[in-house]
Each structure stands twice: as structure tokens, then as C-alpha cells.
Amino acid sequence: MPGCDFTRRDLLRWSAAAAAIAPLGAGTAYADTGTAGTIAPVNLELVTLAEDHAVITWYTGQSGTDDGLGRMVPAAADGLVRYGTNPTRLNRVAYGISGHTPYHYVELTHLEPGQTYYYQAYSNGKAAAPSQFTLIAGNAVGTSDHGLGTGGPYEFTTPQPPQGSHLFSVILCNDLHLGETQAGLVGGQPQYIGITQEPGLPPYPEVMLSSLVDDVRRFDPAYLLAAGDISAEALPNDLSRAGQLLSRFGRYREDYFVTRGNHDRAHLGDAYSACRAGQWQGNDCFHDAYFPRDELTYFSKDLSGLHVIGLDTYDKAGNGGDAGGLSPAQLDWFRRDLEAHRDQPTLVFGHHPLVVQDSAFPITPSNSVDAVQAAQILDWYSKTPGLFLHHAGHTHRNHRTVSPLAPRVTMQEIAAAKEYPGGFSVLRLHTKGYALNFYKSRSELARRWSERSRQEILGYWPQFAFGNTVADRNTAVQRDLSGLRRPHHQGLAAAV
């Protein structure tokens, strides 16, 4: 949930605000516009928007039904997108990656940079209705409001590509939560039910991570960075299983890297007793699994000229439901590392964001790094010209923030891999800039679980997690990255 620690008090405050805006049920993730027994296409979303392609998804259900989670029962249907550069002439057609499914995923290819397009998605001849934003100011289907009041067509304008030659790509992901069995548990309130996997299907964290590792192959990435909450509660078997699945990408600490989240903290109990004594409390199975012997749980490494800093943002005592924090020793190391690589192209990744803004849910101190430490870190960032991106998870949402305290640094929160919208971001590095694009994991089982888990918090979850705007999940920045070089290998090559 928001910060994985959305409390009962937070929930009551948010529920009161939601009730004042819309009646209960208005936040459900579909608009049933057909008669009973017909198929209705809903939840239309423009997920990915790059200079030459776009990804559009939606869901088809049987009108007049309820699957027990507040959505229509899934109904398989055909799916296609008609699009073009004139809203009255949608003369191009794209079809989904699955021919007959409730879980539609269509990619538009061979688009022109800087061009405005109009589109309409259809199933069974009916136009798909957009995901509804009632609690936030935003847009799930385009870069303008064109078509929102008329049922389409909807509009987007492709960005310009990063300048210079492409060097390599990096996969950014977080919140894998291996071992979790219920998504969307909130403050112990029975009316906000946790959503479980359908009987007979594999555990959803494994479904989502397996799909992620398979899906990223088509981007030919060199590296993968997983920013914390690798496990649900740091059980040794779950940490090991996460490593097994990630190792299908490549070699640990050569091709893929992980950092600790609050769920990966040291725990008490018999299940953890075989692990080392934690520095702050309990037994630290995450430390044993990913930083054995006396290695520190934070690090930096140069990857093809890119300086990557991995932070442990729960390097402290606590129960996981408080603000993140770095130990004094880690803070001092971090400051010195930034100073030593002041002008080198640098990326920082860690679980807790430094800043959290523009949320449909209450923002609490537990959503981010301790405020005093965050201010100190932002001051260091302002003095580090080479630093261009800080990748965080924890909030389980897509959101882009640029702080006036460090305006050269994009701070990107990325939605959880393990639940709706369920995916990863691809960072494409060029000599004169970069692009960052979010993709939903696209196996049939991943799309099935993603659509099921969007019903968290009575279906209001997409208004928090998806991203208020297209720019919250897709961005391109011009920046001098000429210090980078092409890698000698690609991460997936080691696993094939």
C-alpha cells in the first residue's frame, strides 16, 4: 500500500475525503455501460509513450456482473486500436498480443517523434471507456484532455528522442514482495479486503517477477536495479526465490543489483534464527542472502561509465512502518562517494523516496526518508553536477518529482512490480540524454493478476498507483552523458 504502511488512521482520513468527492463505488475500476450479459470494454490506459511507440491496455467484462471484488466478471473478447494523425480519420489499426482475452495489451509501433496522434480502442465493436480519475487531477489516456468528455478519440503527442547515439539500457524495478499472499491489506479494516491470487494459479509475486524478467529481454538491457522490498517479510526461502528468478536476468552484482527495503529489515522469530544477528535488531536474513560475510548493505559501482549508488534506506532500528533512514556511517560514506564522483554521470537507487508529493492518499512521514536526512541529501545533490536520476520504490506508484533544491535531478518513484499496474521502467541512455518509460508486465498471467489487483482499496488504487499523468511514467531529458560507454556484455546474454 502507500509506503507499505498505510495505517488505520490514514485510511479513515482518506476515506472521509473520498466520500466527500464521490459516493462509495464511484472509484470502482469500471463503468458498466452495457446491458446485462453484454461485454463492456473499460479501464482504458495509455501506459507507455515513447518517441516511436505507445502501449495501450484495457479490460473486458460481462456487464451486470460482480466477481466479488467490485468489478465485472472477466469476459474474453477481441481487441484492436484504430489510430491516426487526424481525429476524424483513424486509418491505422493495431492488434493485441493476445487475440481473444479480457486483458488487452496493444502496442502501436513506427510512430513519428513529435507527432500528435488520435486513437480509439475497441472490443466487440464497442469503444473502451477510460480509467476514471475522480480523486485526482490527471489523465489516464492521453497527453491532453481531447475526447475525455465525448467518449474519444483520445490524443497523445510523442516526445522527441534523447539526442546522440544509444549506449545501453537499464531496467529499474522495485517492490517484488516475494512470499506475499494478500495485496491491499489496510489497517486491519475488514471492508478493505486483501486480494488473493485465484485458486490454482501460481503465487502472484512469482508470476509478476517471472514475467518481468522475461519481458525485459526485448529491450536488450545491460543491467537491472531492484530498489528494495525484495521480499514480503525477509524469510530466507523468499529471499532465495527472488534471487533465483532475478538470476534468470544474469549474474548478481555484475548484471543485476538489489537494495534493502523496509520489508527486508531484520526480524525476530524462529523462522529467522539461523541468520546473522542484525545490526539494529533481530536476525538479518537479507544481509546474509545478498551481502554475505562482513559486506556493507550499501555500495557503489561503475557500470560502463555510469556511477551507480545503491542505498540501504532502512539502515536503522524499527518495525518497518516508520520513515526510512541511513545510519550515520552510511550517510558519511554517501557524502564522500558523491564528492568523489562529482562530475561523473551518476544514478542513485534505494527503496524510500526523498520527497513524496501529489498523492490521492494522505502523505505521512513513513512514506519517505527521514525529512532531516532528505534535506541534507538534496543539498548534496545540488552540488553534484553528474547526478541525474534518483530511483525509488516504496510508494508503489509512478510519480516524477523535480525538487527546486536539486533541479538537475529527476526523482522517479516506480510502481510496484508485484501488483497493479505491475511492471518496470526502462532507462535508455544516450550520449546526450536519456528516456525513462514504464511498461506493464505482459504475460497473460501477469495481466490477469494486474487487473485483479487494481481493485485494492475499493478500486481507488489506480488513482494512486498508475501515475497522475503520462509524464509521471514516461519522460525524456536532454543531458550530457558522453562519459558513458557501451558495455562489453548484455545482462541477459549471461542467462541465455
Protein backbone atom coordinates (compact mmCIF):
# COMPACT_ATOMS: atom_id res chain seq x y z
CA MET A 1 0.00 0.00 0.00
CA PRO A 2 1.14 3.63 0.01
CA GLY A 3 4.55 3.19 1.55
CA CYS A 4 3.53 -0.37 2.53
CA ASP A 5 2.40 1.14 5.82
CA PHE A 6 -0.92 2.85 5.18
CA THR A 7 -2.37 2.89 8.71
CA ARG A 8 -5.92 2.74 10.02
CA ARG A 9 -5.76 6.44 10.91
CA ASP A 10 -4.53 7.28 7.41
CA LEU A 11 -7.31 5.19 5.93
CA LEU A 12 -10.04 6.90 7.91
CA ARG A 13 -8.76 10.34 6.89
CA TRP A 14 -8.58 9.31 3.25
CA SER A 15 -11.97 7.58 3.25
CA ALA A 16 -13.65 10.70 4.60
CA ALA A 17 -12.07 12.78 1.84
CA ALA A 18 -13.06 10.27 -0.83
CA ALA A 19 -16.64 10.12 0.42
CA ALA A 20 -16.90 13.90 0.15
CA ILE A 21 -15.89 13.76 -3.51
CA ALA A 22 -17.75 10.71 -4.77
CA PRO A 23 -20.25 8.17 -3.43
CA LEU A 24 -18.97 4.76 -2.43
CA GLY A 25 -18.45 2.75 -5.61
CA ALA A 26 -17.63 5.73 -7.81
CA GLY A 27 -13.98 4.77 -7.51
CA THR A 28 -14.52 1.25 -8.78
CA ALA A 29 -12.36 0.44 -11.73
CA TYR A 30 -15.05 0.11 -14.37
CA ALA A 31 -18.00 1.91 -15.84
CA ASP A 32 -20.74 -0.61 -16.67
CA THR A 33 -22.25 0.97 -19.76
CA GLY A 34 -23.87 -2.07 -21.34
CA THR A 35 -26.90 -4.19 -20.60
CA ALA A 36 -26.69 -7.39 -18.56
CA GLY A 37 -24.95 -10.16 -20.43
CA THR A 38 -23.10 -7.92 -22.89
CA ILE A 39 -19.37 -7.35 -22.95
CA ALA A 40 -18.13 -3.93 -21.83
CA PRO A 41 -14.56 -2.71 -22.55
CA VAL A 42 -13.29 -0.49 -19.72
CA ASN A 43 -10.15 0.67 -17.85
CA LEU A 44 -8.52 2.09 -20.97
CA GLU A 45 -5.00 3.35 -20.20
CA LEU A 46 -2.10 4.83 -22.14
CA VAL A 47 0.71 3.09 -20.27
CA THR A 48 3.85 3.74 -22.29
CA LEU A 49 4.63 6.66 -24.57
CA ALA A 50 7.99 6.81 -26.32
CA GLU A 51 9.13 8.65 -29.44
CA ASP A 52 8.28 5.75 -31.75
CA HIS A 53 5.80 3.52 -29.89
CA ALA A 54 2.98 3.51 -27.37
CA VAL A 55 1.33 0.81 -25.25
CA ILE A 56 -2.43 0.85 -24.61
CA THR A 57 -4.28 -1.56 -22.29
CA TRP A 58 -7.90 -2.20 -21.26
CA TYR A 59 -10.21 -4.85 -19.79
CA THR A 60 -13.40 -6.52 -20.97
CA GLY A 61 -16.01 -7.82 -18.55
CA GLN A 62 -19.56 -9.08 -18.60
CA SER A 63 -21.99 -6.27 -17.87
CA GLY A 64 -24.26 -6.64 -14.86
CA THR A 65 -21.92 -8.99 -13.00
CA ASP A 66 -19.67 -8.67 -9.95
CA ASP A 67 -16.76 -11.01 -9.29
CA GLY A 68 -16.81 -10.24 -5.57
CA LEU A 69 -14.10 -7.60 -5.83
CA GLY A 70 -16.28 -4.83 -7.27
CA ARG A 71 -15.52 -5.41 -10.93
CA MET A 72 -17.25 -7.21 -13.77
CA VAL A 73 -16.54 -10.89 -14.27
CA PRO A 74 -13.80 -11.20 -16.94
CA ALA A 75 -15.09 -11.80 -20.46
CA ALA A 76 -12.79 -12.66 -23.37
CA ALA A 77 -13.19 -10.54 -26.49
CA ASP A 78 -11.26 -9.35 -29.50
CA GLY A 79 -9.29 -6.12 -29.21
CA LEU A 80 -7.89 -3.53 -31.58
CA VAL A 81 -6.85 0.11 -31.65
CA ARG A 82 -7.64 2.44 -34.54
CA TYR A 83 -5.37 5.47 -34.71
CA GLY A 84 -4.12 8.23 -36.96
CA THR A 85 -2.99 11.84 -37.10
CA ASN A 86 -6.50 13.21 -37.70
CA PRO A 87 -9.28 12.60 -35.17
CA THR A 88 -11.80 12.07 -37.97
CA ARG A 89 -9.58 9.65 -39.87
CA LEU A 90 -8.23 6.81 -37.75
CA ASN A 91 -6.77 4.95 -40.68
CA ARG A 92 -4.26 2.66 -38.95
CA VAL A 93 -5.03 -0.48 -36.94
CA ALA A 94 -3.05 -2.36 -34.29
CA TYR A 95 -4.00 -5.63 -32.62
CA GLY A 96 -3.23 -7.04 -29.20
CA ILE A 97 -0.54 -9.51 -28.17
CA SER A 98 -3.39 -11.91 -27.29
CA GLY A 99 -6.17 -12.47 -29.81
CA HIS A 100 -9.13 -13.25 -27.54
CA THR A 101 -8.75 -12.19 -23.90
CA PRO A 102 -10.22 -9.99 -21.17
CA TYR A 103 -6.75 -8.46 -20.64
CA HIS A 104 -5.92 -6.36 -23.69
CA TYR A 105 -2.39 -5.11 -24.44
CA VAL A 106 -1.82 -3.33 -27.76
CA GLU A 107 1.43 -1.73 -28.90
CA LEU A 108 1.43 0.98 -31.56
CA THR A 109 4.71 0.96 -33.46
CA HIS A 110 6.53 3.03 -36.09
CA LEU A 111 5.25 6.32 -34.66
CA GLU A 112 6.94 9.61 -35.54
CA PRO A 113 8.63 11.72 -32.85
CA GLY A 114 6.85 14.97 -32.01
CA GLN A 115 3.67 13.91 -33.81
CA THR A 116 0.14 14.15 -32.39
CA TYR A 117 -1.97 11.00 -32.74
CA TYR A 118 -5.60 10.19 -32.01
CA TYR A 119 -6.84 6.73 -31.09
CA GLN A 120 -9.82 4.64 -30.07
CA ALA A 121 -9.70 1.13 -28.61
CA TYR A 122 -12.44 -1.39 -29.40
CA SER A 123 -13.64 -4.79 -28.25
CA ASN A 124 -16.67 -6.47 -29.84
CA GLY A 125 -17.14 -3.27 -31.79
CA LYS A 126 -17.54 -1.15 -28.64
CA ALA A 127 -15.23 1.72 -27.71
CA ALA A 128 -13.29 1.17 -24.48
CA ALA A 129 -14.03 3.60 -21.63
CA PRO A 130 -11.04 5.26 -19.88
CA SER A 131 -9.96 4.62 -16.30
CA GLN A 132 -11.77 7.22 -14.23
CA PHE A 133 -9.91 9.76 -12.13
CA THR A 134 -12.26 11.23 -9.51
CA LEU A 135 -9.87 11.91 -6.62
CA ILE A 136 -7.02 13.46 -8.56
CA ALA A 137 -6.43 15.87 -11.40
CA GLY A 138 -5.00 13.67 -14.09
CA ASN A 139 -5.46 11.79 -17.30
CA ALA A 140 -5.06 8.04 -17.84
CA VAL A 141 -5.42 8.01 -21.62
CA GLY A 142 -3.58 10.92 -23.22
CA THR A 143 -1.33 13.92 -23.08
CA SER A 144 -4.34 16.24 -23.47
CA ASP A 145 -7.99 16.11 -22.42
CA HIS A 146 -9.18 15.67 -26.01
CA GLY A 147 -12.02 13.14 -26.13
CA LEU A 148 -12.50 12.78 -22.39
CA GLY A 149 -15.90 14.43 -22.45
CA THR A 150 -17.09 12.86 -25.68
CA GLY A 151 -16.01 9.22 -25.46
CA GLY A 152 -12.98 9.66 -27.69
CA PRO A 153 -10.96 9.57 -29.75
CA TYR A 154 -8.15 10.34 -27.31
CA GLU A 155 -4.97 12.23 -28.05
CA PHE A 156 -1.27 11.94 -27.36
CA THR A 157 1.86 13.61 -28.72
CA THR A 158 5.03 11.56 -28.95
CA PRO A 159 8.17 13.04 -27.37
CA GLN A 160 11.43 13.76 -29.11
CA PRO A 161 14.02 11.02 -28.59
CA PRO A 162 17.12 11.56 -26.48
CA GLN A 163 19.85 13.12 -28.58
CA GLY A 164 23.03 11.32 -29.51
CA SER A 165 23.68 7.64 -30.02
CA HIS A 166 22.14 4.95 -27.82
CA LEU A 167 24.64 3.38 -25.45
CA PHE A 168 22.77 0.90 -23.26
CA SER A 169 19.58 0.38 -21.27
CA VAL A 170 18.95 -0.31 -17.59
CA ILE A 171 15.85 -1.93 -16.07
CA LEU A 172 14.55 -0.22 -12.93
CA CYS A 173 12.11 -2.06 -10.67
CA ASN A 174 11.12 -2.41 -7.03
CA ASP A 175 8.66 -3.92 -4.54
CA LEU A 176 8.84 -7.54 -5.63
CA HIS A 177 7.44 -8.79 -2.27
CA LEU A 178 8.28 -12.46 -2.79
CA GLY A 179 6.28 -14.52 -0.30
CA GLU A 180 3.31 -12.13 -0.08
CA THR A 181 -0.12 -13.79 -0.32
CA GLN A 182 -2.53 -10.84 0.01
CA ALA A 183 -2.33 -7.46 -1.70
CA GLY A 184 -4.12 -4.36 -0.46
CA LEU A 185 -4.38 -5.10 3.25
CA VAL A 186 -5.11 -1.80 5.00
CA GLY A 187 -5.08 -1.19 8.73
CA GLY A 188 -6.94 -4.37 9.60
CA GLN A 189 -10.23 -2.97 8.28
CA PRO A 190 -12.43 -5.88 7.10
CA GLN A 191 -14.26 -3.80 4.49
CA TYR A 192 -10.94 -3.21 2.69
CA ILE A 193 -10.25 -6.81 1.87
CA GLY A 194 -6.90 -8.15 0.88
CA ILE A 195 -6.90 -9.53 -2.65
CA THR A 196 -5.51 -13.02 -3.12
CA GLN A 197 -4.46 -14.97 -6.18
CA GLU A 198 -7.11 -17.04 -7.94
CA PRO A 199 -7.14 -20.67 -6.74
CA GLY A 200 -4.87 -22.96 -8.72
CA LEU A 201 -2.65 -20.19 -10.10
CA PRO A 202 0.99 -19.62 -9.05
CA PRO A 203 1.77 -17.08 -6.29
CA TYR A 204 1.33 -13.63 -7.75
CA PRO A 205 4.75 -12.23 -6.72
CA GLU A 206 6.36 -15.07 -8.68
CA VAL A 207 4.02 -14.55 -11.63
CA MET A 208 4.91 -10.87 -11.79
CA LEU A 209 8.66 -11.24 -11.33
CA SER A 210 8.85 -14.12 -13.83
CA SER A 211 7.01 -12.04 -16.39
CA LEU A 212 9.20 -9.03 -15.69
CA VAL A 213 12.43 -10.94 -16.27
CA ASP A 214 11.05 -12.42 -19.49
CA ASP A 215 9.53 -9.14 -20.71
CA VAL A 216 12.70 -7.08 -20.39
CA ARG A 217 14.57 -9.29 -22.86
CA ARG A 218 13.12 -7.43 -25.82
CA PHE A 219 14.85 -4.23 -24.66
CA ASP A 220 18.30 -5.86 -24.68
CA PRO A 221 19.21 -4.30 -21.32
CA ALA A 222 22.69 -4.36 -19.87
CA TYR A 223 21.75 -4.08 -16.18
CA LEU A 224 18.83 -4.39 -13.76
CA LEU A 225 18.42 -2.48 -10.49
CA ALA A 226 15.82 -3.64 -7.94
CA ALA A 227 15.18 -0.96 -5.33
CA GLY A 228 14.06 -2.81 -2.24
CA ASP A 229 11.25 -4.86 -0.75
CA ILE A 230 12.66 -7.87 -2.49
CA SER A 231 10.65 -10.00 -0.05
CA ALA A 232 7.39 -9.73 1.87
CA GLU A 233 8.99 -10.23 5.30
CA ALA A 234 12.62 -11.29 4.72
CA LEU A 235 12.07 -15.03 5.11
CA PRO A 236 15.12 -16.94 3.83
CA ASN A 237 13.14 -19.01 1.30
CA ASP A 238 11.51 -15.91 -0.18
CA LEU A 239 14.80 -14.06 -0.46
CA SER A 240 16.34 -17.11 -2.12
CA ARG A 241 13.44 -17.48 -4.56
CA ALA A 242 13.72 -13.83 -5.55
CA GLY A 243 17.40 -14.37 -6.26
CA GLN A 244 16.65 -17.44 -8.36
CA LEU A 245 14.19 -15.54 -10.54
CA LEU A 246 16.41 -12.46 -10.84
CA SER A 247 19.34 -14.67 -11.80
CA ARG A 248 17.49 -15.52 -15.00
CA PHE A 249 18.44 -11.98 -15.98
CA GLY A 250 22.13 -12.53 -15.36
CA ARG A 251 24.80 -12.56 -12.65
CA TYR A 252 24.24 -10.93 -9.29
CA ARG A 253 26.43 -7.84 -8.76
CA GLU A 254 27.59 -7.99 -12.36
CA ASP A 255 24.30 -7.71 -14.25
CA TYR A 256 21.68 -7.13 -11.57
CA PHE A 257 21.78 -5.39 -8.19
CA VAL A 258 19.42 -5.11 -5.23
CA THR A 259 18.96 -2.82 -2.24
CA ARG A 260 17.08 -3.29 1.02
CA GLY A 261 13.51 -2.13 1.65
CA ASN A 262 11.68 -1.85 4.95
CA HIS A 263 10.10 -5.28 4.39
CA ASP A 264 13.63 -6.71 4.07
CA ARG A 265 14.64 -5.48 7.54
CA ALA A 266 15.97 -7.79 10.26
CA HIS A 267 13.16 -9.70 12.01
CA LEU A 268 12.58 -11.53 15.27
CA GLY A 269 11.32 -15.12 15.48
CA ASP A 270 12.27 -18.73 14.99
CA ALA A 271 11.96 -18.51 11.21
CA TYR A 272 14.91 -16.08 11.19
CA SER A 273 17.06 -17.64 13.91
CA ALA A 274 19.57 -19.24 11.51
CA CYS A 275 20.52 -15.83 10.07
CA ARG A 276 23.16 -13.47 11.42
CA ALA A 277 22.33 -11.13 14.28
CA GLY A 278 21.06 -7.86 12.86
CA GLN A 279 23.00 -4.68 13.46
CA TRP A 280 19.90 -2.97 14.84
CA GLN A 281 17.58 -5.79 15.89
CA GLY A 282 16.60 -9.41 15.32
CA ASN A 283 18.21 -11.57 12.67
CA ASP A 284 19.15 -10.19 9.28
CA CYS A 285 18.41 -12.75 6.57
CA PHE A 286 18.52 -10.13 3.80
CA HIS A 287 22.11 -9.31 4.74
CA ASP A 288 23.03 -12.99 4.57
CA ALA A 289 21.30 -13.51 1.23
CA TYR A 290 22.66 -10.53 -0.68
CA PHE A 291 25.63 -9.07 1.25
CA PRO A 292 27.33 -12.06 2.89
CA ARG A 293 30.17 -12.07 5.36
CA ASP A 294 31.00 -8.54 6.53
CA GLU A 295 29.97 -6.65 3.41
CA LEU A 296 28.09 -3.40 3.80
CA THR A 297 24.45 -3.31 2.67
CA TYR A 298 25.08 -0.22 0.56
CA PHE A 299 27.51 0.14 -2.31
CA SER A 300 28.62 1.97 -5.41
CA LYS A 301 29.89 0.60 -8.69
CA ASP A 302 30.83 1.90 -12.12
CA LEU A 303 28.81 0.23 -14.87
CA SER A 304 30.09 1.12 -18.33
CA GLY A 305 31.00 4.61 -17.12
CA LEU A 306 27.73 5.07 -15.18
CA HIS A 307 28.34 5.53 -11.47
CA VAL A 308 25.59 3.63 -9.63
CA ILE A 309 24.99 4.15 -5.90
CA GLY A 310 22.77 1.63 -4.08
CA LEU A 311 21.40 2.88 -0.76
CA ASP A 312 20.08 0.91 2.21
CA THR A 313 17.23 3.20 3.25
CA TYR A 314 16.30 1.04 6.23
CA ASP A 315 19.73 1.07 7.85
CA LYS A 316 18.19 1.62 11.29
CA ALA A 317 16.05 0.09 14.01
CA GLY A 318 12.30 -0.06 13.51
CA ASN A 319 9.22 -2.10 12.71
CA GLY A 320 9.11 -1.08 9.04
CA GLY A 321 6.20 1.31 9.45
CA ASP A 322 8.22 4.44 10.14
CA ALA A 323 10.33 6.76 7.99
CA GLY A 324 13.32 5.36 6.19
CA GLY A 325 16.79 6.32 7.28
CA LEU A 326 20.50 5.89 6.69
CA SER A 327 22.90 5.18 9.51
CA PRO A 328 25.47 7.89 10.36
CA ALA A 329 28.18 5.69 8.84
CA GLN A 330 26.23 5.29 5.60
CA LEU A 331 25.46 9.00 5.38
CA ASP A 332 29.12 9.85 5.73
CA TRP A 333 30.06 7.25 3.09
CA PHE A 334 27.34 8.55 0.76
CA ARG A 335 28.54 12.15 1.03
CA ARG A 336 32.13 11.17 0.33
CA ASP A 337 31.13 8.96 -2.61
CA LEU A 338 29.13 11.77 -4.23
CA GLU A 339 32.03 14.17 -3.78
CA ALA A 340 34.49 11.69 -5.28
CA HIS A 341 32.33 11.27 -8.42
CA ARG A 342 31.01 14.81 -8.59
CA ASP A 343 31.12 15.18 -12.38
CA GLN A 344 30.62 11.55 -13.44
CA PRO A 345 27.16 10.53 -14.78
CA THR A 346 25.54 9.11 -11.64
CA LEU A 347 22.34 7.24 -10.75
CA VAL A 348 21.21 6.62 -7.17
CA PHE A 349 18.69 3.94 -6.28
CA GLY A 350 17.16 2.98 -2.96
CA HIS A 351 13.81 1.99 -1.56
CA HIS A 352 12.40 5.10 0.15
CA PRO A 353 11.91 8.31 -1.86
CA LEU A 354 13.42 11.55 -0.61
CA VAL A 355 10.26 13.53 -1.40
CA VAL A 356 6.61 12.44 -1.81
CA GLN A 357 4.12 14.85 -3.38
CA ASP A 358 0.74 14.95 -5.18
CA SER A 359 -0.91 11.90 -3.66
CA ALA A 360 -4.58 10.91 -3.58
CA PHE A 361 -3.84 9.32 -0.21
CA PRO A 362 -2.51 11.05 2.93
CA ILE A 363 1.23 11.67 2.87
CA THR A 364 2.87 10.64 6.14
CA PRO A 365 6.49 10.66 7.35
CA SER A 366 6.66 6.90 6.77
CA ASN A 367 6.35 7.41 3.00
CA SER A 368 9.91 8.69 2.62
CA VAL A 369 13.38 9.02 4.08
CA ASP A 370 13.59 10.96 7.35
CA ALA A 371 12.93 14.61 6.47
CA VAL A 372 16.14 15.95 8.04
CA GLN A 373 18.25 13.42 6.17
CA ALA A 374 16.36 14.04 2.92
CA ALA A 375 17.05 17.78 3.10
CA GLN A 376 20.71 17.07 3.72
CA ILE A 377 20.90 14.67 0.77
CA LEU A 378 19.15 17.13 -1.57
CA ASP A 379 21.76 19.72 -0.62
CA TRP A 380 24.48 17.27 -1.61
CA TYR A 381 22.65 16.57 -4.87
CA SER A 382 22.67 20.28 -5.70
CA LYS A 383 26.47 20.15 -5.55
CA THR A 384 26.83 17.03 -7.70
CA PRO A 385 26.54 18.04 -11.38
CA GLY A 386 26.87 14.49 -12.68
CA LEU A 387 23.89 13.13 -10.75
CA PHE A 388 20.82 12.96 -12.99
CA LEU A 389 18.42 10.33 -11.56
CA HIS A 390 17.27 9.02 -8.19
CA HIS A 391 15.12 5.87 -8.50
CA ALA A 392 12.91 4.86 -5.57
CA GLY A 393 10.06 2.48 -4.80
CA HIS A 394 8.13 2.07 -1.54
CA THR A 395 5.12 4.17 -2.53
CA HIS A 396 4.02 1.61 -5.14
CA ARG A 397 3.22 4.36 -7.62
CA ASN A 398 4.58 6.08 -10.71
CA HIS A 399 5.49 9.67 -9.96
CA ARG A 400 8.14 12.09 -11.20
CA THR A 401 9.40 14.85 -8.91
CA VAL A 402 11.96 17.57 -9.51
CA SER A 403 12.86 19.45 -6.36
CA PRO A 404 13.85 23.13 -6.59
CA LEU A 405 16.62 22.23 -4.14
CA ALA A 406 18.25 19.96 -6.77
CA PRO A 407 16.65 20.80 -10.13
CA ARG A 408 19.10 18.80 -12.24
CA VAL A 409 18.00 15.53 -10.63
CA THR A 410 14.85 13.64 -11.62
CA MET A 411 13.44 11.76 -8.65
CA GLN A 412 11.40 8.89 -10.04
CA GLU A 413 9.10 6.69 -7.99
CA ILE A 414 8.25 3.49 -9.89
CA ALA A 415 5.14 1.40 -9.32
CA ALA A 416 5.44 -1.98 -7.61
CA ALA A 417 6.39 -4.94 -9.74
CA LYS A 418 4.06 -7.21 -7.74
CA GLU A 419 0.63 -5.59 -8.22
CA TYR A 420 -1.31 -3.20 -10.46
CA PRO A 421 -0.06 -1.61 -12.61
CA GLY A 422 2.63 -4.23 -12.19
CA GLY A 423 5.74 -3.56 -14.19
CA PHE A 424 9.11 -1.89 -14.60
CA SER A 425 10.80 1.10 -16.19
CA VAL A 426 13.37 1.05 -18.97
CA LEU A 427 16.10 3.69 -18.76
CA ARG A 428 17.59 4.23 -22.23
CA LEU A 429 20.91 6.06 -22.01
CA HIS A 430 22.21 8.09 -24.96
CA THR A 431 25.31 10.23 -25.30
CA LYS A 432 23.24 13.41 -24.97
CA GLY A 433 20.28 12.39 -22.85
CA TYR A 434 18.02 9.64 -21.58
CA ALA A 435 14.46 8.36 -21.76
CA LEU A 436 12.59 6.61 -18.97
CA ASN A 437 9.49 4.58 -19.89
CA PHE A 438 7.18 2.44 -17.76
CA TYR A 439 5.84 -0.88 -19.07
CA LYS A 440 3.28 -3.23 -17.58
CA SER A 441 4.42 -6.84 -17.34
CA ARG A 442 2.64 -8.52 -20.20
CA SER A 443 2.38 -12.30 -19.81
CA GLU A 444 -1.23 -13.50 -19.72
CA LEU A 445 -0.99 -14.39 -16.02
CA ALA A 446 0.66 -11.05 -15.19
CA ARG A 447 -2.06 -9.08 -16.98
CA ARG A 448 -4.69 -11.23 -15.27
CA TRP A 449 -3.29 -10.53 -11.79
CA SER A 450 -2.65 -6.86 -12.51
CA GLU A 451 -6.27 -6.34 -13.49
CA ARG A 452 -7.48 -8.25 -10.43
CA SER A 453 -5.24 -6.31 -8.02
CA ARG A 454 -6.32 -2.91 -9.36
CA GLN A 455 -9.38 -3.41 -7.12
CA GLU A 456 -7.33 -2.69 -4.00
CA ILE A 457 -8.95 -0.11 -1.70
CA LEU A 458 -12.41 -0.46 -3.30
CA GLY A 459 -11.00 0.14 -6.77
CA TYR A 460 -9.48 3.53 -5.94
CA TRP A 461 -5.97 2.11 -6.23
CA PRO A 462 -5.32 3.15 -9.87
CA GLN A 463 -5.80 6.80 -8.93
CA PHE A 464 -2.75 6.48 -6.72
CA ALA A 465 -0.56 3.88 -8.39
CA PHE A 466 -0.81 4.36 -12.16
CA GLY A 467 0.56 7.89 -12.32
CA ASN A 468 -1.44 11.11 -12.49
CA THR A 469 -0.15 11.93 -15.97
CA VAL A 470 1.68 10.24 -18.82
CA ALA A 471 4.77 12.24 -17.79
CA ASP A 472 4.76 10.56 -14.37
CA ARG A 473 5.65 7.27 -16.06
CA ASN A 474 7.34 8.42 -19.29
CA THR A 475 9.91 11.16 -19.66
CA ALA A 476 12.82 12.17 -21.91
CA VAL A 477 15.61 14.51 -20.79
CA GLN A 478 18.45 16.10 -22.74
CA ARG A 479 21.65 15.74 -20.72
CA ASP A 480 25.34 15.30 -21.44
CA LEU A 481 26.09 11.63 -20.77
CA SER A 482 29.07 11.41 -23.08
CA GLY A 483 31.17 9.89 -20.29
CA LEU A 484 29.30 6.61 -20.70
CA ARG A 485 30.39 3.79 -23.00
CA ARG A 486 28.81 0.72 -24.47
CA PRO A 487 29.15 -2.33 -22.20
CA HIS A 488 31.19 -5.34 -23.21
CA HIS A 489 28.20 -7.59 -22.47
CA GLN A 490 24.44 -7.51 -22.10
CA GLY A 491 22.95 -8.82 -18.86
CA LEU A 492 20.58 -11.31 -20.41
CA ALA A 493 23.31 -12.87 -22.51
CA ALA A 494 24.74 -14.40 -19.35
CA ALA A 495 21.44 -16.14 -18.63
CA VAL A 496 20.63 -17.45 -22.11
